[in-house]
């Protein structure tokens, strides 16, 4: 066999190996327009993401975990322009490579903030989380990457109630009841690319989606809403119904590590997260 034939075979073999997509991450760190988070006021910070916890700003824990994952490329912190300098100071002090992290100007609501950040990065799968998600684990990112490498357009991470209570008995008080189990949201989402951005529309209006019944009915349909609130449908069944409604394949990512569902919302959860970080 000639060298040229060997080279051709090598190229054909390389082409046969699927190239795994790289993942970008958006970290939502902005505050609602015209408000300062009460926890930030207590800790004398301009934003909740900048309050100190376990020896560093809250957002630093999130950025360090994300930055260490080998599948992650660019990271965008969505926050108001006036806070860019503070976030850049945090980035400069991280213990990881910092070239991949930059700020993106937030908008008046979560949906537009996600869209604006996605327009600044290369199209492809993106993972979205929040700046108060300090207990985020590498395993959670692994699970999200695996799901988005499949056929999911949208993925959302949930932890079973038992796993959350095992991590801390008072770490989370809100659980969504389904016929198969109860779950807590982990503030970790995934989109397969810009074609899946329609799913971000359900968060328009400042993230108060769960409190605005009219928007739930509009997005999910009245029958689906009744089934969700009754707990008569399983989690996979609910995702299948919602997928059909909005025309995107939505799949749950079930995380065995319950700590992923415990974020910093108030002084109570601040103390719990600080203890778990220590």
C-alpha atoms as a PDB file:
ATOM      1  CA  UNK A   1       0.000   0.000   0.000  1.00  0.00           C
ATOM      2  CA  UNK A   2       1.383   3.388  -0.971  1.00  0.00           C
ATOM      3  CA  UNK A   3       1.805   6.315   1.413  1.00  0.00           C
ATOM      4  CA  UNK A   4      -0.964   8.140  -0.426  1.00  0.00           C
ATOM      5  CA  UNK A   5      -3.357   5.232   0.100  1.00  0.00           C
ATOM      6  CA  UNK A   6      -2.456   5.058   3.813  1.00  0.00           C
ATOM      7  CA  UNK A   7      -3.102   8.790   4.157  1.00  0.00           C
ATOM      8  CA  UNK A   8      -6.466   8.401   2.432  1.00  0.00           C
ATOM      9  CA  UNK A   9      -7.452   5.579   4.802  1.00  0.00           C
ATOM     10  CA  UNK A  10      -6.392   7.663   7.831  1.00  0.00           C
ATOM     11  CA  UNK A  11      -8.515  10.567   6.632  1.00  0.00           C
ATOM     12  CA  UNK A  12     -11.507   8.295   6.035  1.00  0.00           C
ATOM     13  CA  UNK A  13     -11.135   6.807   9.529  1.00  0.00           C
ATOM     14  CA  UNK A  14     -10.936  10.262  11.075  1.00  0.00           C
ATOM     15  CA  UNK A  15     -14.027  11.386   9.189  1.00  0.00           C
ATOM     16  CA  UNK A  16     -15.939   8.352  10.461  1.00  0.00           C
ATOM     17  CA  UNK A  17     -15.397   9.410  14.078  1.00  0.00           C
ATOM     18  CA  UNK A  18     -18.154  11.864  15.072  1.00  0.00           C
ATOM     19  CA  UNK A  19     -16.877  15.188  16.380  1.00  0.00           C
ATOM     20  CA  UNK A  20     -18.464  15.989  19.717  1.00  0.00           C
ATOM     21  CA  UNK A  21     -19.897  19.501  19.945  1.00  0.00           C
ATOM     22  CA  UNK A  22     -18.342  22.083  22.204  1.00  0.00           C
ATOM     23  CA  UNK A  23     -20.584  23.755  24.760  1.00  0.00           C
ATOM     24  CA  UNK A  24     -20.950  27.406  25.665  1.00  0.00           C
ATOM     25  CA  UNK A  25     -22.378  28.526  28.997  1.00  0.00           C
ATOM     26  CA  UNK A  26     -24.493  31.508  30.019  1.00  0.00           C
ATOM     27  CA  UNK A  27     -24.485  32.528  33.683  1.00  0.00           C
ATOM     28  CA  UNK A  28     -27.459  34.713  34.596  1.00  0.00           C
ATOM     29  CA  UNK A  29     -26.297  37.275  37.167  1.00  0.00           C
ATOM     30  CA  UNK A  30     -28.430  40.396  36.627  1.00  0.00           C
ATOM     31  CA  UNK A  31     -31.044  41.792  38.988  1.00  0.00           C
ATOM     32  CA  UNK A  32     -34.602  42.754  38.175  1.00  0.00           C
ATOM     33  CA  UNK A  33     -34.748  46.270  36.769  1.00  0.00           C
ATOM     34  CA  UNK A  34     -34.928  48.905  39.482  1.00  0.00           C
ATOM     35  CA  UNK A  35     -34.344  46.508  42.379  1.00  0.00           C
ATOM     36  CA  UNK A  36     -31.431  45.372  44.518  1.00  0.00           C
ATOM     37  CA  UNK A  37     -31.580  41.847  45.899  1.00  0.00           C
ATOM     38  CA  UNK A  38     -32.342  41.881  49.657  1.00  0.00           C
ATOM     39  CA  UNK A  39     -29.438  39.541  50.369  1.00  0.00           C
ATOM     40  CA  UNK A  40     -27.088  41.903  48.538  1.00  0.00           C
ATOM     41  CA  UNK A  41     -28.323  44.752  50.736  1.00  0.00           C
ATOM     42  CA  UNK A  42     -27.597  42.752  53.890  1.00  0.00           C
ATOM     43  CA  UNK A  43     -24.067  41.963  52.702  1.00  0.00           C
ATOM     44  CA  UNK A  44     -23.482  45.489  51.342  1.00  0.00           C
ATOM     45  CA  UNK A  45     -22.927  44.357  47.759  1.00  0.00           C
ATOM     46  CA  UNK A  46     -24.324  45.817  44.545  1.00  0.00           C
ATOM     47  CA  UNK A  47     -25.473  42.370  43.354  1.00  0.00           C
ATOM     48  CA  UNK A  48     -26.239  39.070  45.026  1.00  0.00           C
ATOM     49  CA  UNK A  49     -23.667  37.363  42.803  1.00  0.00           C
ATOM     50  CA  UNK A  50     -20.930  39.469  44.450  1.00  0.00           C
ATOM     51  CA  UNK A  51     -21.657  38.683  48.091  1.00  0.00           C
ATOM     52  CA  UNK A  52     -18.797  36.795  49.789  1.00  0.00           C
ATOM     53  CA  UNK A  53     -19.348  33.148  50.658  1.00  0.00           C
ATOM     54  CA  UNK A  54     -16.724  30.589  51.675  1.00  0.00           C
ATOM     55  CA  UNK A  55     -13.912  33.038  51.008  1.00  0.00           C
ATOM     56  CA  UNK A  56     -14.841  34.349  47.563  1.00  0.00           C
ATOM     57  CA  UNK A  57     -17.687  36.047  45.672  1.00  0.00           C
ATOM     58  CA  UNK A  58     -20.717  33.839  45.109  1.00  0.00           C
ATOM     59  CA  UNK A  59     -20.370  33.828  41.321  1.00  0.00           C
ATOM     60  CA  UNK A  60     -16.718  32.761  41.556  1.00  0.00           C
ATOM     61  CA  UNK A  61     -17.757  29.287  42.763  1.00  0.00           C
ATOM     62  CA  UNK A  62     -20.002  28.883  39.729  1.00  0.00           C
ATOM     63  CA  UNK A  63     -17.420  30.139  37.222  1.00  0.00           C
ATOM     64  CA  UNK A  64     -14.643  27.947  38.612  1.00  0.00           C
ATOM     65  CA  UNK A  65     -16.737  24.781  38.341  1.00  0.00           C
ATOM     66  CA  UNK A  66     -17.875  25.572  34.802  1.00  0.00           C
ATOM     67  CA  UNK A  67     -14.409  26.609  33.615  1.00  0.00           C
ATOM     68  CA  UNK A  68     -12.887  23.302  34.694  1.00  0.00           C
ATOM     69  CA  UNK A  69     -15.201  21.196  32.535  1.00  0.00           C
ATOM     70  CA  UNK A  70     -13.394  19.954  29.404  1.00  0.00           C
ATOM     71  CA  UNK A  71     -16.460  20.292  27.135  1.00  0.00           C
ATOM     72  CA  UNK A  72     -16.976  23.993  27.867  1.00  0.00           C
ATOM     73  CA  UNK A  73     -15.727  26.699  25.505  1.00  0.00           C
ATOM     74  CA  UNK A  74     -16.939  30.259  25.981  1.00  0.00           C
ATOM     75  CA  UNK A  75     -18.706  31.503  29.095  1.00  0.00           C
ATOM     76  CA  UNK A  76     -20.859  34.628  29.141  1.00  0.00           C
ATOM     77  CA  UNK A  77     -21.927  36.324  32.371  1.00  0.00           C
ATOM     78  CA  UNK A  78     -25.208  38.122  31.683  1.00  0.00           C
ATOM     79  CA  UNK A  79     -25.305  41.226  33.874  1.00  0.00           C
ATOM     80  CA  UNK A  80     -25.916  44.973  33.685  1.00  0.00           C
ATOM     81  CA  UNK A  81     -23.193  46.961  31.935  1.00  0.00           C
ATOM     82  CA  UNK A  82     -22.455  48.986  35.068  1.00  0.00           C
ATOM     83  CA  UNK A  83     -21.427  45.787  36.851  1.00  0.00           C
ATOM     84  CA  UNK A  84     -18.956  44.653  34.174  1.00  0.00           C
ATOM     85  CA  UNK A  85     -15.949  46.026  36.061  1.00  0.00           C
ATOM     86  CA  UNK A  86     -16.883  44.143  39.248  1.00  0.00           C
ATOM     87  CA  UNK A  87     -17.338  40.868  37.366  1.00  0.00           C
ATOM     88  CA  UNK A  88     -14.050  41.344  35.501  1.00  0.00           C
ATOM     89  CA  UNK A  89     -12.308  41.790  38.854  1.00  0.00           C
ATOM     90  CA  UNK A  90     -13.757  38.447  39.983  1.00  0.00           C
ATOM     91  CA  UNK A  91     -12.635  36.798  36.738  1.00  0.00           C
ATOM     92  CA  UNK A  92      -9.088  38.110  37.184  1.00  0.00           C
ATOM     93  CA  UNK A  93      -8.886  36.418  40.584  1.00  0.00           C
ATOM     94  CA  UNK A  94     -10.120  32.980  39.519  1.00  0.00           C
ATOM     95  CA  UNK A  95      -7.916  29.922  39.959  1.00  0.00           C
ATOM     96  CA  UNK A  96      -8.563  28.715  36.409  1.00  0.00           C
ATOM     97  CA  UNK A  97      -7.901  29.857  32.856  1.00  0.00           C
ATOM     98  CA  UNK A  98      -9.864  33.080  32.334  1.00  0.00           C
ATOM     99  CA  UNK A  99      -9.613  33.744  28.597  1.00  0.00           C
ATOM    100  CA  UNK A 100     -12.932  32.044  27.944  1.00  0.00           C
ATOM    101  CA  UNK A 101     -15.051  34.191  30.301  1.00  0.00           C
ATOM    102  CA  UNK A 102     -16.595  37.533  29.307  1.00  0.00           C
ATOM    103  CA  UNK A 103     -19.561  39.727  30.234  1.00  0.00           C
ATOM    104  CA  UNK A 104     -22.706  40.155  28.143  1.00  0.00           C
ATOM    105  CA  UNK A 105     -25.142  43.019  28.665  1.00  0.00           C
ATOM    106  CA  UNK A 106     -28.349  41.788  30.256  1.00  0.00           C
ATOM    107  CA  UNK A 107     -31.802  42.904  29.161  1.00  0.00           C
ATOM    108  CA  UNK A 108     -35.020  43.681  31.025  1.00  0.00           C
ATOM    109  CA  UNK A 109     -36.071  40.027  31.328  1.00  0.00           C
ATOM    110  CA  UNK A 110     -34.545  36.564  31.349  1.00  0.00           C
ATOM    111  CA  UNK A 111     -35.681  35.605  27.857  1.00  0.00           C
ATOM    112  CA  UNK A 112     -34.083  38.616  26.170  1.00  0.00           C
ATOM    113  CA  UNK A 113     -30.965  38.253  28.331  1.00  0.00           C
ATOM    114  CA  UNK A 114     -30.498  34.657  27.180  1.00  0.00           C
ATOM    115  CA  UNK A 115     -31.094  35.619  23.553  1.00  0.00           C
ATOM    116  CA  UNK A 116     -28.641  38.541  23.734  1.00  0.00           C
ATOM    117  CA  UNK A 117     -25.925  36.366  25.287  1.00  0.00           C
ATOM    118  CA  UNK A 118     -26.444  33.614  22.705  1.00  0.00           C
ATOM    119  CA  UNK A 119     -25.978  36.117  19.896  1.00  0.00           C
ATOM    120  CA  UNK A 120     -22.458  36.815  21.222  1.00  0.00           C
ATOM    121  CA  UNK A 121     -21.290  33.212  21.054  1.00  0.00           C
ATOM    122  CA  UNK A 122     -21.011  30.688  18.266  1.00  0.00           C
ATOM    123  CA  UNK A 123     -24.235  28.835  17.502  1.00  0.00           C
ATOM    124  CA  UNK A 124     -24.376  25.412  19.091  1.00  0.00           C
ATOM    125  CA  UNK A 125     -25.408  23.776  22.349  1.00  0.00           C
ATOM    126  CA  UNK A 126     -25.495  26.093  25.339  1.00  0.00           C
ATOM    127  CA  UNK A 127     -25.911  25.440  29.052  1.00  0.00           C
ATOM    128  CA  UNK A 128     -27.636  28.078  31.175  1.00  0.00           C
ATOM    129  CA  UNK A 129     -27.333  28.457  34.931  1.00  0.00           C
ATOM    130  CA  UNK A 130     -27.549  31.156  37.579  1.00  0.00           C
ATOM    131  CA  UNK A 131     -24.866  33.025  39.485  1.00  0.00           C
ATOM    132  CA  UNK A 132     -26.247  31.831  42.833  1.00  0.00           C
ATOM    133  CA  UNK A 133     -25.817  28.149  41.912  1.00  0.00           C
ATOM    134  CA  UNK A 134     -22.655  27.805  44.022  1.00  0.00           C
ATOM    135  CA  UNK A 135     -23.086  24.070  44.678  1.00  0.00           C
ATOM    136  CA  UNK A 136     -23.147  23.201  40.974  1.00  0.00           C
ATOM    137  CA  UNK A 137     -21.141  20.039  40.343  1.00  0.00           C
ATOM    138  CA  UNK A 138     -19.065  18.759  37.451  1.00  0.00           C
ATOM    139  CA  UNK A 139     -21.340  15.706  37.429  1.00  0.00           C
ATOM    140  CA  UNK A 140     -24.360  17.921  36.749  1.00  0.00           C
ATOM    141  CA  UNK A 141     -22.624  19.492  33.768  1.00  0.00           C
ATOM    142  CA  UNK A 142     -21.653  16.013  32.539  1.00  0.00           C
ATOM    143  CA  UNK A 143     -25.286  14.925  32.653  1.00  0.00           C
ATOM    144  CA  UNK A 144     -26.429  18.024  30.775  1.00  0.00           C
ATOM    145  CA  UNK A 145     -23.745  17.558  28.104  1.00  0.00           C
ATOM    146  CA  UNK A 146     -24.758  13.920  27.610  1.00  0.00           C
ATOM    147  CA  UNK A 147     -28.427  14.845  27.194  1.00  0.00           C
ATOM    148  CA  UNK A 148     -27.736  17.622  24.681  1.00  0.00           C
ATOM    149  CA  UNK A 149     -25.466  15.321  22.674  1.00  0.00           C
ATOM    150  CA  UNK A 150     -28.599  13.248  22.019  1.00  0.00           C
ATOM    151  CA  UNK A 151     -31.874  14.358  20.475  1.00  0.00           C
ATOM    152  CA  UNK A 152     -32.998  16.870  23.115  1.00  0.00           C
ATOM    153  CA  UNK A 153     -33.753  20.417  21.968  1.00  0.00           C
ATOM    154  CA  UNK A 154     -34.194  21.556  25.547  1.00  0.00           C
ATOM    155  CA  UNK A 155     -32.977  19.958  28.772  1.00  0.00           C
ATOM    156  CA  UNK A 156     -33.689  20.899  32.357  1.00  0.00           C
ATOM    157  CA  UNK A 157     -32.026  19.501  35.452  1.00  0.00           C
ATOM    158  CA  UNK A 158     -34.049  18.241  38.402  1.00  0.00           C
ATOM    159  CA  UNK A 159     -33.109  16.418  41.588  1.00  0.00           C
ATOM    160  CA  UNK A 160     -35.367  13.901  43.373  1.00  0.00           C
ATOM    161  CA  UNK A 161     -36.689  15.006  46.756  1.00  0.00           C
ATOM    162  CA  UNK A 162     -34.883  12.230  48.635  1.00  0.00           C
ATOM    163  CA  UNK A 163     -31.526  13.240  47.138  1.00  0.00           C
ATOM    164  CA  UNK A 164     -32.072  16.899  48.043  1.00  0.00           C
ATOM    165  CA  UNK A 165     -33.042  16.086  51.621  1.00  0.00           C
ATOM    166  CA  UNK A 166     -30.021  13.816  51.914  1.00  0.00           C
ATOM    167  CA  UNK A 167     -27.754  16.700  50.909  1.00  0.00           C
ATOM    168  CA  UNK A 168     -29.376  18.892  53.573  1.00  0.00           C
ATOM    169  CA  UNK A 169     -32.704  18.370  55.352  1.00  0.00           C
ATOM    170  CA  UNK A 170     -33.629  22.053  55.062  1.00  0.00           C
ATOM    171  CA  UNK A 171     -31.809  22.923  51.862  1.00  0.00           C
ATOM    172  CA  UNK A 172     -34.883  23.145  49.637  1.00  0.00           C
ATOM    173  CA  UNK A 173     -38.530  23.549  50.555  1.00  0.00           C
ATOM    174  CA  UNK A 174     -40.187  23.602  47.135  1.00  0.00           C
ATOM    175  CA  UNK A 175     -40.767  20.412  45.194  1.00  0.00           C
ATOM    176  CA  UNK A 176     -42.787  19.673  42.069  1.00  0.00           C
ATOM    177  CA  UNK A 177     -45.034  16.648  42.474  1.00  0.00           C
ATOM    178  CA  UNK A 178     -45.393  14.096  39.676  1.00  0.00           C
ATOM    179  CA  UNK A 179     -46.899  10.638  39.734  1.00  0.00           C
ATOM    180  CA  UNK A 180     -43.455   8.992  39.804  1.00  0.00           C
ATOM    181  CA  UNK A 181     -41.710  11.223  42.387  1.00  0.00           C
ATOM    182  CA  UNK A 182     -41.205  14.758  43.653  1.00  0.00           C
ATOM    183  CA  UNK A 183     -38.413  16.878  42.194  1.00  0.00           C
ATOM    184  CA  UNK A 184     -36.687  20.191  42.787  1.00  0.00           C
ATOM    185  CA  UNK A 185     -35.418  22.510  40.096  1.00  0.00           C
ATOM    186  CA  UNK A 186     -31.617  22.796  39.864  1.00  0.00           C
ATOM    187  CA  UNK A 187     -31.366  26.104  37.956  1.00  0.00           C
ATOM    188  CA  UNK A 188     -29.542  24.306  35.168  1.00  0.00           C
ATOM    189  CA  UNK A 189     -30.906  24.292  31.621  1.00  0.00           C
ATOM    190  CA  UNK A 190     -29.685  23.387  28.158  1.00  0.00           C
ATOM    191  CA  UNK A 191     -30.546  24.436  24.615  1.00  0.00           C
ATOM    192  CA  UNK A 192     -29.345  22.557  21.545  1.00  0.00           C
ATOM    193  CA  UNK A 193     -28.751  25.845  19.730  1.00  0.00           C
ATOM    194  CA  UNK A 194     -30.484  28.991  18.509  1.00  0.00           C
ATOM    195  CA  UNK A 195     -33.269  26.940  16.928  1.00  0.00           C
ATOM    196  CA  UNK A 196     -34.356  26.035  20.470  1.00  0.00           C
ATOM    197  CA  UNK A 197     -34.553  29.642  21.663  1.00  0.00           C
ATOM    198  CA  UNK A 198     -38.352  29.554  21.485  1.00  0.00           C
ATOM    199  CA  UNK A 199     -38.225  27.732  24.818  1.00  0.00           C
ATOM    200  CA  UNK A 200     -36.706  30.832  26.425  1.00  0.00           C
ATOM    201  CA  UNK A 201     -39.926  32.728  25.752  1.00  0.00           C
ATOM    202  CA  UNK A 202     -41.675  31.048  28.682  1.00  0.00           C
ATOM    203  CA  UNK A 203     -39.371  33.021  31.019  1.00  0.00           C
ATOM    204  CA  UNK A 204     -40.264  36.422  29.568  1.00  0.00           C
ATOM    205  CA  UNK A 205     -41.453  38.804  32.243  1.00  0.00           C
ATOM    206  CA  UNK A 206     -38.699  38.609  34.842  1.00  0.00           C
ATOM    207  CA  UNK A 207     -38.654  34.935  35.679  1.00  0.00           C
ATOM    208  CA  UNK A 208     -41.996  34.897  37.499  1.00  0.00           C
ATOM    209  CA  UNK A 209     -43.344  32.249  35.143  1.00  0.00           C
ATOM    210  CA  UNK A 210     -44.489  29.903  37.888  1.00  0.00           C
ATOM    211  CA  UNK A 211     -46.546  32.689  39.482  1.00  0.00           C
ATOM    212  CA  UNK A 212     -48.351  33.835  36.340  1.00  0.00           C
ATOM    213  CA  UNK A 213     -51.026  31.315  35.485  1.00  0.00           C
ATOM    214  CA  UNK A 214     -52.028  33.035  32.241  1.00  0.00           C
ATOM    215  CA  UNK A 215     -48.560  32.574  30.792  1.00  0.00           C
ATOM    216  CA  UNK A 216     -48.473  28.923  31.875  1.00  0.00           C
ATOM    217  CA  UNK A 217     -51.781  28.245  30.136  1.00  0.00           C
ATOM    218  CA  UNK A 218     -50.619  30.049  27.010  1.00  0.00           C
ATOM    219  CA  UNK A 219     -47.382  28.057  26.861  1.00  0.00           C
ATOM    220  CA  UNK A 220     -48.470  24.625  28.085  1.00  0.00           C
ATOM    221  CA  UNK A 221     -52.219  24.523  27.543  1.00  0.00           C
ATOM    222  CA  UNK A 222     -54.951  24.311  30.179  1.00  0.00           C
ATOM    223  CA  UNK A 223     -55.137  20.489  30.238  1.00  0.00           C
ATOM    224  CA  UNK A 224     -51.383  20.185  30.691  1.00  0.00           C
ATOM    225  CA  UNK A 225     -51.495  22.758  33.471  1.00  0.00           C
ATOM    226  CA  UNK A 226     -54.200  20.827  35.313  1.00  0.00           C
ATOM    227  CA  UNK A 227     -52.255  17.578  34.967  1.00  0.00           C
ATOM    228  CA  UNK A 228     -49.056  19.219  36.189  1.00  0.00           C
ATOM    229  CA  UNK A 229     -50.707  20.748  39.236  1.00  0.00           C
ATOM    230  CA  UNK A 230     -52.592  17.574  40.117  1.00  0.00           C
ATOM    231  CA  UNK A 231     -49.500  15.383  40.117  1.00  0.00           C
ATOM    232  CA  UNK A 232     -51.340  12.802  38.014  1.00  0.00           C
ATOM    233  CA  UNK A 233     -48.719  12.685  35.271  1.00  0.00           C
ATOM    234  CA  UNK A 234     -45.178  11.361  35.466  1.00  0.00           C
ATOM    235  CA  UNK A 235     -42.195  13.624  34.848  1.00  0.00           C
ATOM    236  CA  UNK A 236     -41.382  11.983  31.457  1.00  0.00           C
ATOM    237  CA  UNK A 237     -45.057  12.170  30.531  1.00  0.00           C
ATOM    238  CA  UNK A 238     -45.221  15.842  31.418  1.00  0.00           C
ATOM    239  CA  UNK A 239     -42.144  16.624  29.346  1.00  0.00           C
ATOM    240  CA  UNK A 240     -43.630  14.722  26.387  1.00  0.00           C
ATOM    241  CA  UNK A 241     -46.859  16.732  26.610  1.00  0.00           C
ATOM    242  CA  UNK A 242     -45.039  20.052  26.841  1.00  0.00           C
ATOM    243  CA  UNK A 243     -42.749  19.037  23.976  1.00  0.00           C
ATOM    244  CA  UNK A 244     -45.759  18.415  21.761  1.00  0.00           C
ATOM    245  CA  UNK A 245     -47.281  21.731  22.781  1.00  0.00           C
ATOM    246  CA  UNK A 246     -44.276  23.937  21.954  1.00  0.00           C
ATOM    247  CA  UNK A 247     -42.811  21.864  19.116  1.00  0.00           C
ATOM    248  CA  UNK A 248     -39.472  21.137  20.780  1.00  0.00           C
ATOM    249  CA  UNK A 249     -38.133  17.965  22.375  1.00  0.00           C
ATOM    250  CA  UNK A 250     -37.797  18.706  26.090  1.00  0.00           C
ATOM    251  CA  UNK A 251     -36.119  16.145  28.315  1.00  0.00           C
ATOM    252  CA  UNK A 252     -35.438  16.101  32.059  1.00  0.00           C
ATOM    253  CA  UNK A 253     -31.949  15.509  33.402  1.00  0.00           C
ATOM    254  CA  UNK A 254     -32.269  13.742  36.757  1.00  0.00           C
ATOM    255  CA  UNK A 255     -29.331  14.486  39.038  1.00  0.00           C
ATOM    256  CA  UNK A 256     -28.416  12.080  41.813  1.00  0.00           C
ATOM    257  CA  UNK A 257     -26.510  14.772  43.710  1.00  0.00           C
ATOM    258  CA  UNK A 258     -29.196  16.678  45.585  1.00  0.00           C
ATOM    259  CA  UNK A 259     -26.893  19.600  46.421  1.00  0.00           C
ATOM    260  CA  UNK A 260     -27.409  20.858  42.860  1.00  0.00           C
ATOM    261  CA  UNK A 261     -30.933  21.931  43.866  1.00  0.00           C
ATOM    262  CA  UNK A 262     -29.758  24.125  46.746  1.00  0.00           C
ATOM    263  CA  UNK A 263     -28.909  27.673  45.718  1.00  0.00           C
ATOM    264  CA  UNK A 264     -28.534  30.969  47.590  1.00  0.00           C
ATOM    265  CA  UNK A 265     -31.919  32.687  47.844  1.00  0.00           C
ATOM    266  CA  UNK A 266     -31.945  34.179  51.344  1.00  0.00           C
ATOM    267  CA  UNK A 267     -30.082  34.198  54.654  1.00  0.00           C
ATOM    268  CA  UNK A 268     -31.282  30.692  55.507  1.00  0.00           C
ATOM    269  CA  UNK A 269     -30.054  29.142  52.276  1.00  0.00           C
ATOM    270  CA  UNK A 270     -26.920  31.326  52.389  1.00  0.00           C
ATOM    271  CA  UNK A 271     -25.925  29.670  55.669  1.00  0.00           C
ATOM    272  CA  UNK A 272     -26.690  26.195  54.319  1.00  0.00           C
ATOM    273  CA  UNK A 273     -24.677  26.703  51.125  1.00  0.00           C
ATOM    274  CA  UNK A 274     -21.779  28.229  53.078  1.00  0.00           C
ATOM    275  CA  UNK A 275     -21.699  25.179  55.334  1.00  0.00           C
ATOM    276  CA  UNK A 276     -21.799  22.735  52.419  1.00  0.00           C
ATOM    277  CA  UNK A 277     -19.023  24.619  50.615  1.00  0.00           C
ATOM    278  CA  UNK A 278     -16.846  24.418  53.712  1.00  0.00           C
END
